[in-house]
Amino acid sequence: MSKLFPISIEVEEIAVGRVLRVLNATEGIVKLHLKLTQDKEPKSEERQEGAAVAAPALLDGRTINKRNVPPSQNRCYQAIAGVLIKTPAHYKILAAALGRAGFKDTGIHGFLHRLNKMKLIQRTSPGSYKITEKGQRTFGKSDIIPPPGKKLKLKPYQSPFYKVTNNYSGFRLFVLTTLDKESPIPSLRMRQIVSDAGFSEKNLSTTGMKMRNEGLITCEDSEYELTDKGKEVLDNRPAQENDLFGNQEGTVANG
């Protein structure tokens, strides 16, 4: 067989078909090696011999969200919450915290928008935010949330999920003063006393239950009684009190 000589040619796209037909009919052509795909232009960093390869883009956390990862495990959210748990902060400070954690600080507004939408943080003034109680429970507060594997023992009225309201007005003050004058009081008579005072009996199973959870009163063997904690709260009431039957907790049930 005769010796073969490889020849390389470049043809314009518009003339590829015509040239191939000519070559295919030309005597002495043994093989045609076609390469109809174009090589991509090398990146500017790769054009210079020995140039350093560009570092990959930093994560911004949004790819994590697509995997349905809980907010407490999102590293970007953790960086923001880590600052807000200590003190309310401006978004520029929170963006700097993202940068220190190795993420793009340009995504700060998106993170704050999503955290605010989930009610994990709250806007306090233009550009400034603070963490909410839900955020504290989500990202962990050292003096309330126990570490993994350890249960925190709390009395009912010490629950971190319980919000204590004003004990010196409305139904709360009425119950405390009533039980302070006479205690214990049977539940049937207590309902009558509440009704005679213009309150709804439903308050005993709503606000009354909250007061029991806070340790202010007890209801054992169908008898209501003031606790030492309730007595202490009543004794430390302000000198000038609000209206006893003001528009406070307990009035909603009255309709």
C-alpha atoms as a PDB file:
ATOM      1  CA  MET A   1       0.000   0.000   0.000  1.00  0.00           C
ATOM      2  CA  SER A   2       1.228   3.466  -0.867  1.00  0.00           C
ATOM      3  CA  LYS A   3       2.423   5.723   1.889  1.00  0.00           C
ATOM      4  CA  LEU A   4      -0.249   8.062   3.254  1.00  0.00           C
ATOM      5  CA  PHE A   5       0.276  11.710   4.099  1.00  0.00           C
ATOM      6  CA  PRO A   6      -2.185  13.321   6.581  1.00  0.00           C
ATOM      7  CA  ILE A   7      -3.301  16.780   5.458  1.00  0.00           C
ATOM      8  CA  SER A   8      -5.274  19.219   7.603  1.00  0.00           C
ATOM      9  CA  ILE A   9      -7.469  21.906   6.087  1.00  0.00           C
ATOM     10  CA  GLU A  10      -9.952  24.413   7.484  1.00  0.00           C
ATOM     11  CA  VAL A  11     -13.128  25.093   5.554  1.00  0.00           C
ATOM     12  CA  GLU A  12     -15.765  27.762   6.023  1.00  0.00           C
ATOM     13  CA  GLU A  13     -19.083  26.466   7.302  1.00  0.00           C
ATOM     14  CA  ILE A  14     -20.955  27.530   4.192  1.00  0.00           C
ATOM     15  CA  ALA A  15     -18.631  25.495   1.928  1.00  0.00           C
ATOM     16  CA  VAL A  16     -18.289  22.276   3.994  1.00  0.00           C
ATOM     17  CA  GLY A  17     -20.787  20.258   1.937  1.00  0.00           C
ATOM     18  CA  ARG A  18     -19.349  21.263  -1.418  1.00  0.00           C
ATOM     19  CA  VAL A  19     -15.741  20.560  -0.367  1.00  0.00           C
ATOM     20  CA  LEU A  20     -16.641  17.144   1.067  1.00  0.00           C
ATOM     21  CA  ARG A  21     -18.334  16.096  -2.170  1.00  0.00           C
ATOM     22  CA  VAL A  22     -15.265  17.148  -4.164  1.00  0.00           C
ATOM     23  CA  LEU A  23     -12.861  15.345  -1.830  1.00  0.00           C
ATOM     24  CA  ASN A  24     -14.990  12.237  -1.786  1.00  0.00           C
ATOM     25  CA  ALA A  25     -14.845  12.065  -5.611  1.00  0.00           C
ATOM     26  CA  THR A  26     -11.124  12.849  -5.803  1.00  0.00           C
ATOM     27  CA  GLU A  27      -8.876   9.919  -6.679  1.00  0.00           C
ATOM     28  CA  GLY A  28      -6.219   9.118  -4.060  1.00  0.00           C
ATOM     29  CA  ILE A  29      -8.288  10.205  -1.014  1.00  0.00           C
ATOM     30  CA  VAL A  30      -8.272   7.203   1.334  1.00  0.00           C
ATOM     31  CA  LYS A  31      -9.790   8.525   4.597  1.00  0.00           C
ATOM     32  CA  LEU A  32     -11.676  11.636   5.613  1.00  0.00           C
ATOM     33  CA  HIS A  33     -11.452  12.651   9.291  1.00  0.00           C
ATOM     34  CA  LEU A  34     -14.245  15.074  10.064  1.00  0.00           C
ATOM     35  CA  LYS A  35     -14.290  17.424  13.045  1.00  0.00           C
ATOM     36  CA  LEU A  36     -17.359  19.569  12.741  1.00  0.00           C
ATOM     37  CA  THR A  37     -17.378  20.909  16.321  1.00  0.00           C
ATOM     38  CA  GLN A  38     -15.469  24.035  17.275  1.00  0.00           C
ATOM     39  CA  ASP A  39     -13.219  24.248  20.295  1.00  0.00           C
ATOM     40  CA  LYS A  40     -14.414  26.718  22.919  1.00  0.00           C
ATOM     41  CA  GLU A  41     -12.458  29.887  23.308  1.00  0.00           C
ATOM     42  CA  PRO A  42     -10.036  29.536  26.214  1.00  0.00           C
ATOM     43  CA  LYS A  43     -10.801  31.682  29.210  1.00  0.00           C
ATOM     44  CA  SER A  44      -8.730  34.787  29.713  1.00  0.00           C
ATOM     45  CA  GLU A  45      -6.991  33.176  32.708  1.00  0.00           C
ATOM     46  CA  GLU A  46      -6.072  30.138  30.587  1.00  0.00           C
ATOM     47  CA  ARG A  47      -4.696  32.107  27.623  1.00  0.00           C
ATOM     48  CA  GLN A  48      -1.632  33.086  29.568  1.00  0.00           C
ATOM     49  CA  GLU A  49       0.700  30.190  30.029  1.00  0.00           C
ATOM     50  CA  GLY A  50       1.100  29.323  33.679  1.00  0.00           C
ATOM     51  CA  ALA A  51      -1.726  31.648  34.794  1.00  0.00           C
ATOM     52  CA  ALA A  52      -3.426  30.685  38.027  1.00  0.00           C
ATOM     53  CA  VAL A  53      -6.802  28.991  37.717  1.00  0.00           C
ATOM     54  CA  ALA A  54      -9.666  31.175  38.966  1.00  0.00           C
ATOM     55  CA  ALA A  55     -11.133  30.123  42.290  1.00  0.00           C
ATOM     56  CA  PRO A  56     -14.694  28.736  42.207  1.00  0.00           C
ATOM     57  CA  ALA A  57     -17.487  31.096  43.182  1.00  0.00           C
ATOM     58  CA  LEU A  58     -18.374  31.171  46.863  1.00  0.00           C
ATOM     59  CA  LEU A  59     -21.576  29.505  47.969  1.00  0.00           C
ATOM     60  CA  ASP A  60     -24.451  31.861  48.690  1.00  0.00           C
ATOM     61  CA  GLY A  61     -26.712  29.439  50.526  1.00  0.00           C
ATOM     62  CA  ARG A  62     -29.524  29.347  47.982  1.00  0.00           C
ATOM     63  CA  THR A  63     -28.451  25.936  46.677  1.00  0.00           C
ATOM     64  CA  ILE A  64     -28.831  24.652  50.232  1.00  0.00           C
ATOM     65  CA  ASN A  65     -32.413  25.901  50.390  1.00  0.00           C
ATOM     66  CA  LYS A  66     -33.292  23.918  47.263  1.00  0.00           C
ATOM     67  CA  ARG A  67     -32.492  20.742  49.170  1.00  0.00           C
ATOM     68  CA  ASN A  68     -35.160  21.515  51.799  1.00  0.00           C
ATOM     69  CA  VAL A  69     -32.571  21.894  54.527  1.00  0.00           C
ATOM     70  CA  PRO A  70     -34.074  23.358  57.747  1.00  0.00           C
ATOM     71  CA  PRO A  71     -33.149  27.016  58.398  1.00  0.00           C
ATOM     72  CA  SER A  72     -31.248  26.015  61.533  1.00  0.00           C
ATOM     73  CA  GLN A  73     -28.805  24.028  59.347  1.00  0.00           C
ATOM     74  CA  ASN A  74     -28.311  26.731  56.715  1.00  0.00           C
ATOM     75  CA  ARG A  75     -24.811  28.111  57.278  1.00  0.00           C
ATOM     76  CA  CYS A  76     -25.690  31.542  55.892  1.00  0.00           C
ATOM     77  CA  TYR A  77     -28.662  31.862  58.211  1.00  0.00           C
ATOM     78  CA  GLN A  78     -26.482  30.660  61.087  1.00  0.00           C
ATOM     79  CA  ALA A  79     -23.948  33.409  60.412  1.00  0.00           C
ATOM     80  CA  ILE A  80     -26.676  36.067  60.489  1.00  0.00           C
ATOM     81  CA  ALA A  81     -28.449  34.636  63.530  1.00  0.00           C
ATOM     82  CA  GLY A  82     -25.138  34.330  65.383  1.00  0.00           C
ATOM     83  CA  VAL A  83     -24.860  38.120  65.348  1.00  0.00           C
ATOM     84  CA  LEU A  84     -28.527  38.892  66.033  1.00  0.00           C
ATOM     85  CA  ILE A  85     -28.707  36.567  69.041  1.00  0.00           C
ATOM     86  CA  LYS A  86     -26.120  38.812  70.697  1.00  0.00           C
ATOM     87  CA  THR A  87     -27.456  42.191  69.554  1.00  0.00           C
ATOM     88  CA  PRO A  88     -29.685  43.847  66.929  1.00  0.00           C
ATOM     89  CA  ALA A  89     -27.582  44.874  63.924  1.00  0.00           C
ATOM     90  CA  HIS A  90     -27.595  46.773  60.632  1.00  0.00           C
ATOM     91  CA  TYR A  91     -27.568  44.797  57.402  1.00  0.00           C
ATOM     92  CA  LYS A  92     -24.023  45.997  56.641  1.00  0.00           C
ATOM     93  CA  ILE A  93     -22.770  44.335  59.827  1.00  0.00           C
ATOM     94  CA  LEU A  94     -24.665  41.167  58.919  1.00  0.00           C
ATOM     95  CA  ALA A  95     -23.173  41.257  55.411  1.00  0.00           C
ATOM     96  CA  ALA A  96     -19.703  41.454  56.959  1.00  0.00           C
ATOM     97  CA  ALA A  97     -20.557  38.404  59.074  1.00  0.00           C
ATOM     98  CA  LEU A  98     -21.448  36.519  55.893  1.00  0.00           C
ATOM     99  CA  GLY A  99     -18.108  37.489  54.363  1.00  0.00           C
ATOM    100  CA  ARG A 100     -16.198  36.265  57.409  1.00  0.00           C
ATOM    101  CA  ALA A 101     -18.051  32.954  57.158  1.00  0.00           C
ATOM    102  CA  GLY A 102     -16.882  32.561  53.533  1.00  0.00           C
ATOM    103  CA  PHE A 103     -20.057  33.508  51.669  1.00  0.00           C
ATOM    104  CA  LYS A 104     -20.975  36.284  49.243  1.00  0.00           C
ATOM    105  CA  ASP A 105     -22.165  39.329  51.148  1.00  0.00           C
ATOM    106  CA  THR A 106     -24.124  40.507  48.083  1.00  0.00           C
ATOM    107  CA  GLY A 107     -26.907  38.068  48.970  1.00  0.00           C
ATOM    108  CA  ILE A 108     -27.596  39.647  52.378  1.00  0.00           C
ATOM    109  CA  HIS A 109     -30.870  41.278  51.341  1.00  0.00           C
ATOM    110  CA  GLY A 110     -32.242  37.992  50.015  1.00  0.00           C
ATOM    111  CA  PHE A 111     -31.351  36.176  53.230  1.00  0.00           C
ATOM    112  CA  LEU A 112     -32.889  38.889  55.403  1.00  0.00           C
ATOM    113  CA  HIS A 113     -36.060  38.859  53.304  1.00  0.00           C
ATOM    114  CA  ARG A 114     -36.462  35.085  53.689  1.00  0.00           C
ATOM    115  CA  LEU A 115     -35.643  35.108  57.410  1.00  0.00           C
ATOM    116  CA  ASN A 116     -38.158  37.904  57.957  1.00  0.00           C
ATOM    117  CA  LYS A 117     -40.781  36.030  55.933  1.00  0.00           C
ATOM    118  CA  MET A 118     -40.263  32.972  58.156  1.00  0.00           C
ATOM    119  CA  LYS A 119     -40.620  35.290  61.208  1.00  0.00           C
ATOM    120  CA  LEU A 120     -37.172  34.295  62.461  1.00  0.00           C
ATOM    121  CA  ILE A 121     -36.020  37.923  62.478  1.00  0.00           C
ATOM    122  CA  GLN A 122     -37.826  41.258  62.668  1.00  0.00           C
ATOM    123  CA  ARG A 123     -37.066  44.643  61.172  1.00  0.00           C
ATOM    124  CA  THR A 124     -36.663  47.292  63.886  1.00  0.00           C
ATOM    125  CA  SER A 125     -35.745  50.323  61.744  1.00  0.00           C
ATOM    126  CA  PRO A 126     -34.651  50.960  58.149  1.00  0.00           C
ATOM    127  CA  GLY A 127     -31.812  48.504  57.505  1.00  0.00           C
ATOM    128  CA  SER A 128     -31.687  47.124  61.074  1.00  0.00           C
ATOM    129  CA  TYR A 129     -32.964  43.792  62.351  1.00  0.00           C
ATOM    130  CA  LYS A 130     -33.336  41.781  65.540  1.00  0.00           C
ATOM    131  CA  ILE A 131     -33.978  38.105  66.177  1.00  0.00           C
ATOM    132  CA  THR A 132     -37.447  36.982  67.269  1.00  0.00           C
ATOM    133  CA  GLU A 133     -38.377  34.447  69.930  1.00  0.00           C
ATOM    134  CA  LYS A 134     -39.002  31.935  67.147  1.00  0.00           C
ATOM    135  CA  GLY A 135     -35.539  32.683  65.793  1.00  0.00           C
ATOM    136  CA  GLN A 136     -33.980  32.155  69.207  1.00  0.00           C
ATOM    137  CA  ARG A 137     -35.673  28.775  69.479  1.00  0.00           C
ATOM    138  CA  THR A 138     -34.670  27.848  65.902  1.00  0.00           C
ATOM    139  CA  PHE A 139     -30.994  28.779  66.078  1.00  0.00           C
ATOM    140  CA  GLY A 140     -30.548  28.006  69.765  1.00  0.00           C
ATOM    141  CA  LYS A 141     -30.084  30.241  72.761  1.00  0.00           C
ATOM    142  CA  SER A 142     -27.558  28.832  75.211  1.00  0.00           C
ATOM    143  CA  ASP A 143     -29.400  29.809  78.384  1.00  0.00           C
ATOM    144  CA  ILE A 144     -32.758  28.377  77.205  1.00  0.00           C
ATOM    145  CA  ILE A 145     -32.249  25.671  74.595  1.00  0.00           C
ATOM    146  CA  PRO A 146     -30.471  22.545  75.916  1.00  0.00           C
ATOM    147  CA  PRO A 147     -27.581  21.058  73.923  1.00  0.00           C
ATOM    148  CA  PRO A 148     -28.284  17.935  71.840  1.00  0.00           C
ATOM    149  CA  GLY A 149     -28.899  14.856  73.967  1.00  0.00           C
ATOM    150  CA  LYS A 150     -29.587  16.817  77.153  1.00  0.00           C
ATOM    151  CA  LYS A 151     -33.091  17.643  78.356  1.00  0.00           C
ATOM    152  CA  LEU A 152     -33.716  20.932  80.104  1.00  0.00           C
ATOM    153  CA  LYS A 153     -35.911  20.613  83.199  1.00  0.00           C
ATOM    154  CA  LEU A 154     -38.176  23.617  83.634  1.00  0.00           C
ATOM    155  CA  LYS A 155     -41.122  24.311  85.858  1.00  0.00           C
ATOM    156  CA  PRO A 156     -44.346  24.895  83.894  1.00  0.00           C
ATOM    157  CA  TYR A 157     -44.220  28.664  84.359  1.00  0.00           C
ATOM    158  CA  GLN A 158     -40.581  28.754  83.228  1.00  0.00           C
ATOM    159  CA  SER A 159     -41.325  27.455  79.750  1.00  0.00           C
ATOM    160  CA  PRO A 160     -39.261  29.400  77.142  1.00  0.00           C
ATOM    161  CA  PHE A 161     -42.255  29.225  74.794  1.00  0.00           C
ATOM    162  CA  TYR A 162     -44.566  30.989  77.219  1.00  0.00           C
ATOM    163  CA  LYS A 163     -45.151  34.727  77.109  1.00  0.00           C
ATOM    164  CA  VAL A 164     -46.106  36.333  80.422  1.00  0.00           C
ATOM    165  CA  THR A 165     -48.543  39.255  80.192  1.00  0.00           C
ATOM    166  CA  ASN A 166     -49.606  41.981  82.623  1.00  0.00           C
ATOM    167  CA  ASN A 167     -50.752  40.489  85.940  1.00  0.00           C
ATOM    168  CA  TYR A 168     -51.956  43.807  87.323  1.00  0.00           C
ATOM    169  CA  SER A 169     -55.085  44.419  85.258  1.00  0.00           C
ATOM    170  CA  GLY A 170     -58.119  42.657  83.838  1.00  0.00           C
ATOM    171  CA  PHE A 171     -58.976  39.058  84.592  1.00  0.00           C
ATOM    172  CA  ARG A 172     -55.537  38.198  85.958  1.00  0.00           C
ATOM    173  CA  LEU A 173     -55.648  40.783  88.732  1.00  0.00           C
ATOM    174  CA  PHE A 174     -59.248  39.830  89.536  1.00  0.00           C
ATOM    175  CA  VAL A 175     -58.299  36.170  90.059  1.00  0.00           C
ATOM    176  CA  LEU A 176     -55.243  37.025  92.162  1.00  0.00           C
ATOM    177  CA  THR A 177     -57.115  39.430  94.451  1.00  0.00           C
ATOM    178  CA  THR A 178     -60.098  37.074  94.786  1.00  0.00           C
ATOM    179  CA  LEU A 179     -57.939  34.088  95.793  1.00  0.00           C
ATOM    180  CA  ASP A 180     -55.894  36.318  98.081  1.00  0.00           C
ATOM    181  CA  LYS A 181     -59.046  37.152 100.090  1.00  0.00           C
ATOM    182  CA  GLU A 182     -60.376  33.597 100.129  1.00  0.00           C
ATOM    183  CA  SER A 183     -58.499  30.449  99.266  1.00  0.00           C
ATOM    184  CA  PRO A 184     -59.182  27.699  98.327  1.00  0.00           C
ATOM    185  CA  ILE A 185     -62.372  28.232  96.343  1.00  0.00           C
ATOM    186  CA  PRO A 186     -64.299  25.312  94.772  1.00  0.00           C
ATOM    187  CA  SER A 187     -64.335  25.438  90.980  1.00  0.00           C
ATOM    188  CA  LEU A 188     -68.146  25.625  90.800  1.00  0.00           C
ATOM    189  CA  ARG A 189     -68.216  28.661  93.099  1.00  0.00           C
ATOM    190  CA  MET A 190     -65.202  30.186  91.291  1.00  0.00           C
ATOM    191  CA  ARG A 191     -67.111  30.074  88.006  1.00  0.00           C
ATOM    192  CA  GLN A 192     -70.031  31.833  89.648  1.00  0.00           C
ATOM    193  CA  ILE A 193     -67.757  34.542  91.108  1.00  0.00           C
ATOM    194  CA  VAL A 194     -66.194  35.110  87.692  1.00  0.00           C
ATOM    195  CA  SER A 195     -69.599  35.333  86.026  1.00  0.00           C
ATOM    196  CA  ASP A 196     -70.938  37.753  88.668  1.00  0.00           C
ATOM    197  CA  ALA A 197     -67.928  40.022  88.075  1.00  0.00           C
ATOM    198  CA  GLY A 198     -68.830  40.338  84.381  1.00  0.00           C
ATOM    199  CA  PHE A 199     -66.215  37.935  82.991  1.00  0.00           C
ATOM    200  CA  SER A 200     -66.835  34.853  80.880  1.00  0.00           C
ATOM    201  CA  GLU A 201     -66.372  31.474  82.567  1.00  0.00           C
ATOM    202  CA  LYS A 202     -64.243  30.506  79.541  1.00  0.00           C
ATOM    203  CA  ASN A 203     -61.458  32.656  80.982  1.00  0.00           C
ATOM    204  CA  LEU A 204     -60.868  30.011  83.655  1.00  0.00           C
ATOM    205  CA  SER A 205     -59.927  27.487  80.972  1.00  0.00           C
ATOM    206  CA  THR A 206     -57.892  29.954  78.882  1.00  0.00           C
ATOM    207  CA  THR A 207     -56.264  32.716  80.938  1.00  0.00           C
ATOM    208  CA  GLY A 208     -56.734  30.642  84.086  1.00  0.00           C
ATOM    209  CA  MET A 209     -54.811  27.759  82.513  1.00  0.00           C
ATOM    210  CA  LYS A 210     -51.996  30.142  81.585  1.00  0.00           C
ATOM    211  CA  MET A 211     -51.831  31.379  85.182  1.00  0.00           C
ATOM    212  CA  ARG A 212     -51.637  27.790  86.378  1.00  0.00           C
ATOM    213  CA  ASN A 213     -48.821  27.062  83.928  1.00  0.00           C
ATOM    214  CA  GLU A 214     -46.990  30.131  85.248  1.00  0.00           C
ATOM    215  CA  GLY A 215     -47.356  28.872  88.809  1.00  0.00           C
ATOM    216  CA  LEU A 216     -49.531  31.771  89.987  1.00  0.00           C
ATOM    217  CA  ILE A 217     -52.533  29.630  90.966  1.00  0.00           C
ATOM    218  CA  THR A 218     -53.373  25.950  91.286  1.00  0.00           C
ATOM    219  CA  CYS A 219     -56.528  23.924  90.686  1.00  0.00           C
ATOM    220  CA  GLU A 220     -56.318  20.603  92.471  1.00  0.00           C
ATOM    221  CA  ASP A 221     -59.268  18.483  93.546  1.00  0.00           C
ATOM    222  CA  SER A 222     -61.570  21.023  91.838  1.00  0.00           C
ATOM    223  CA  GLU A 223     -60.396  23.848  94.127  1.00  0.00           C
ATOM    224  CA  TYR A 224     -58.636  27.046  93.090  1.00  0.00           C
ATOM    225  CA  GLU A 225     -55.865  28.308  95.347  1.00  0.00           C
ATOM    226  CA  LEU A 226     -53.289  31.101  95.263  1.00  0.00           C
ATOM    227  CA  THR A 227     -49.640  29.941  95.253  1.00  0.00           C
ATOM    228  CA  ASP A 228     -46.692  31.545  97.005  1.00  0.00           C
ATOM    229  CA  LYS A 229     -45.538  32.849  93.623  1.00  0.00           C
ATOM    230  CA  GLY A 230     -48.959  34.369  92.980  1.00  0.00           C
ATOM    231  CA  LYS A 231     -48.937  35.948  96.433  1.00  0.00           C
ATOM    232  CA  GLU A 232     -45.490  37.422  95.754  1.00  0.00           C
ATOM    233  CA  VAL A 233     -46.627  38.828  92.393  1.00  0.00           C
ATOM    234  CA  LEU A 234     -49.683  40.401  94.032  1.00  0.00           C
ATOM    235  CA  ASP A 235     -47.673  41.913  96.887  1.00  0.00           C
ATOM    236  CA  ASN A 236     -45.239  43.508  94.429  1.00  0.00           C
ATOM    237  CA  ARG A 237     -47.874  45.198  92.272  1.00  0.00           C
ATOM    238  CA  PRO A 238     -47.291  48.856  91.333  1.00  0.00           C
ATOM    239  CA  ALA A 239     -48.579  51.560  93.667  1.00  0.00           C
ATOM    240  CA  GLN A 240     -50.949  52.949  91.027  1.00  0.00           C
ATOM    241  CA  GLU A 241     -52.712  50.115  89.219  1.00  0.00           C
ATOM    242  CA  ASN A 242     -54.602  50.164  85.963  1.00  0.00           C
ATOM    243  CA  ASP A 243     -58.364  49.822  85.906  1.00  0.00           C
ATOM    244  CA  LEU A 244     -59.237  46.448  87.413  1.00  0.00           C
ATOM    245  CA  PHE A 245     -61.510  45.566  84.540  1.00  0.00           C
ATOM    246  CA  GLY A 246     -59.556  47.345  81.805  1.00  0.00           C
ATOM    247  CA  ASN A 247     -59.365  46.070  78.251  1.00  0.00           C
ATOM    248  CA  GLN A 248     -56.695  43.513  79.019  1.00  0.00           C
ATOM    249  CA  GLU A 249     -56.365  39.759  78.759  1.00  0.00           C
ATOM    250  CA  GLY A 250     -59.615  37.989  79.566  1.00  0.00           C
ATOM    251  CA  THR A 251     -61.990  40.515  78.053  1.00  0.00           C
ATOM    252  CA  VAL A 252     -61.921  38.929  74.601  1.00  0.00           C
ATOM    253  CA  ALA A 253     -63.905  35.935  75.822  1.00  0.00           C
ATOM    254  CA  ASN A 254     -66.646  38.272  77.024  1.00  0.00           C
ATOM    255  CA  GLY A 255     -67.602  39.064  73.426  1.00  0.00           C
END
